[in-house]
Amino acid sequence: MASYLLYIVTGAFLALMAARHLIVLKSTLPKTDSGQPHRPVLRMPEGKHLHWAEATLAGAIFLFGLWMMLTAGLLFVASLLHSF
């Protein structure tokens, strides 16, 4: 049962860190109506304009953390009910 609790805590930690990163990433993105000319995505010499990839990865980590918490929580409840 302790392993389920560890999975729940790990999933919560992953989800919180990824959500925090997504919020910070959203606040650092330039506004679309700021009047800046459109820059092509294929011209990325310093790794700029890769916000979509970073957001996708953070979103995947967030969803994995939620899935981990939900699955471990359900297994924990099932093991508690099975012990009675």
Protein backbone atom coordinates (compact mmCIF):
# COMPACT_ATOMS: atom_id res chain seq x y z
CA MET A 1 0.00 0.00 0.00
CA ALA A 2 2.90 2.32 0.57
CA SER A 3 3.88 2.01 -3.07
CA TYR A 4 0.43 3.26 -4.12
CA LEU A 5 0.85 6.28 -1.89
CA LEU A 6 4.27 6.88 -3.39
CA TYR A 7 2.77 6.72 -6.89
CA ILE A 8 0.03 9.17 -5.87
CA VAL A 9 2.57 11.64 -4.48
CA THR A 10 4.83 11.25 -7.52
CA GLY A 11 1.91 11.78 -9.90
CA ALA A 12 0.81 14.86 -7.98
CA PHE A 13 4.34 16.24 -8.07
CA LEU A 14 4.63 15.65 -11.83
CA ALA A 15 1.23 17.22 -12.50
CA LEU A 16 1.94 20.27 -10.34
CA MET A 17 5.37 20.93 -11.83
CA ALA A 18 4.10 20.53 -15.39
CA ALA A 19 1.08 22.76 -14.72
CA ARG A 20 3.36 25.39 -13.20
CA HIS A 21 5.60 25.21 -16.25
CA LEU A 22 2.64 25.55 -18.61
CA ILE A 23 1.40 28.63 -16.74
CA VAL A 24 4.84 30.26 -16.86
CA LEU A 25 5.22 29.35 -20.53
CA LYS A 26 1.85 30.90 -21.33
CA SER A 27 2.81 34.16 -19.64
CA THR A 28 6.12 34.40 -21.54
CA LEU A 29 4.66 33.86 -25.00
CA PRO A 30 4.40 37.01 -27.12
CA LYS A 31 0.91 38.22 -27.82
CA THR A 32 -0.42 37.44 -31.29
CA ASP A 33 -1.74 40.97 -31.81
CA SER A 34 1.53 42.68 -30.83
CA GLY A 35 2.23 43.73 -34.41
CA GLN A 36 5.34 41.59 -34.82
CA PRO A 37 5.78 40.16 -38.30
CA HIS A 38 5.26 36.43 -38.72
CA ARG A 39 8.54 34.54 -38.56
CA PRO A 40 8.86 31.19 -40.27
CA VAL A 41 8.95 28.19 -37.96
CA LEU A 42 11.73 26.50 -39.92
CA ARG A 43 14.21 29.28 -39.13
CA MET A 44 15.18 28.40 -35.55
CA PRO A 45 18.95 28.75 -35.13
CA GLU A 46 19.00 29.34 -31.36
CA GLY A 47 16.04 27.17 -30.49
CA LYS A 48 13.68 30.12 -30.41
CA HIS A 49 10.04 29.69 -31.36
CA LEU A 50 9.93 26.15 -30.02
CA HIS A 51 7.24 27.03 -27.50
CA TRP A 52 4.78 24.62 -29.09
CA ALA A 53 7.13 21.67 -28.54
CA GLU A 54 7.82 22.68 -24.96
CA ALA A 55 4.11 23.13 -24.30
CA THR A 56 3.33 19.74 -25.84
CA LEU A 57 5.92 18.00 -23.69
CA ALA A 58 4.77 19.77 -20.52
CA GLY A 59 1.17 18.88 -21.35
CA ALA A 60 2.09 15.24 -21.84
CA ILE A 61 3.90 15.18 -18.49
CA PHE A 62 0.88 16.84 -16.87
CA LEU A 63 -1.50 14.24 -18.28
CA PHE A 64 0.84 11.40 -17.29
CA GLY A 65 0.95 12.75 -13.72
CA LEU A 66 -2.86 12.91 -13.58
CA TRP A 67 -3.15 9.41 -15.00
CA MET A 68 -0.60 8.13 -12.48
CA MET A 69 -2.49 9.71 -9.57
CA LEU A 70 -5.86 8.39 -10.73
CA THR A 71 -4.64 4.86 -11.38
CA ALA A 72 -2.71 4.59 -8.11
CA GLY A 73 -5.63 6.10 -6.21
CA LEU A 74 -8.05 3.56 -7.64
CA LEU A 75 -5.66 0.69 -6.90
CA PHE A 76 -5.18 1.99 -3.36
CA VAL A 77 -8.93 2.13 -2.75
CA ALA A 78 -9.34 -1.33 -4.27
CA SER A 79 -6.65 -2.77 -2.01
CA LEU A 80 -8.26 -1.13 1.02
CA LEU A 81 -11.66 -2.57 0.13
CA HIS A 82 -10.12 -5.96 -0.54
CA SER A 83 -8.48 -6.02 2.89
CA PHE A 84 -11.85 -5.76 4.70
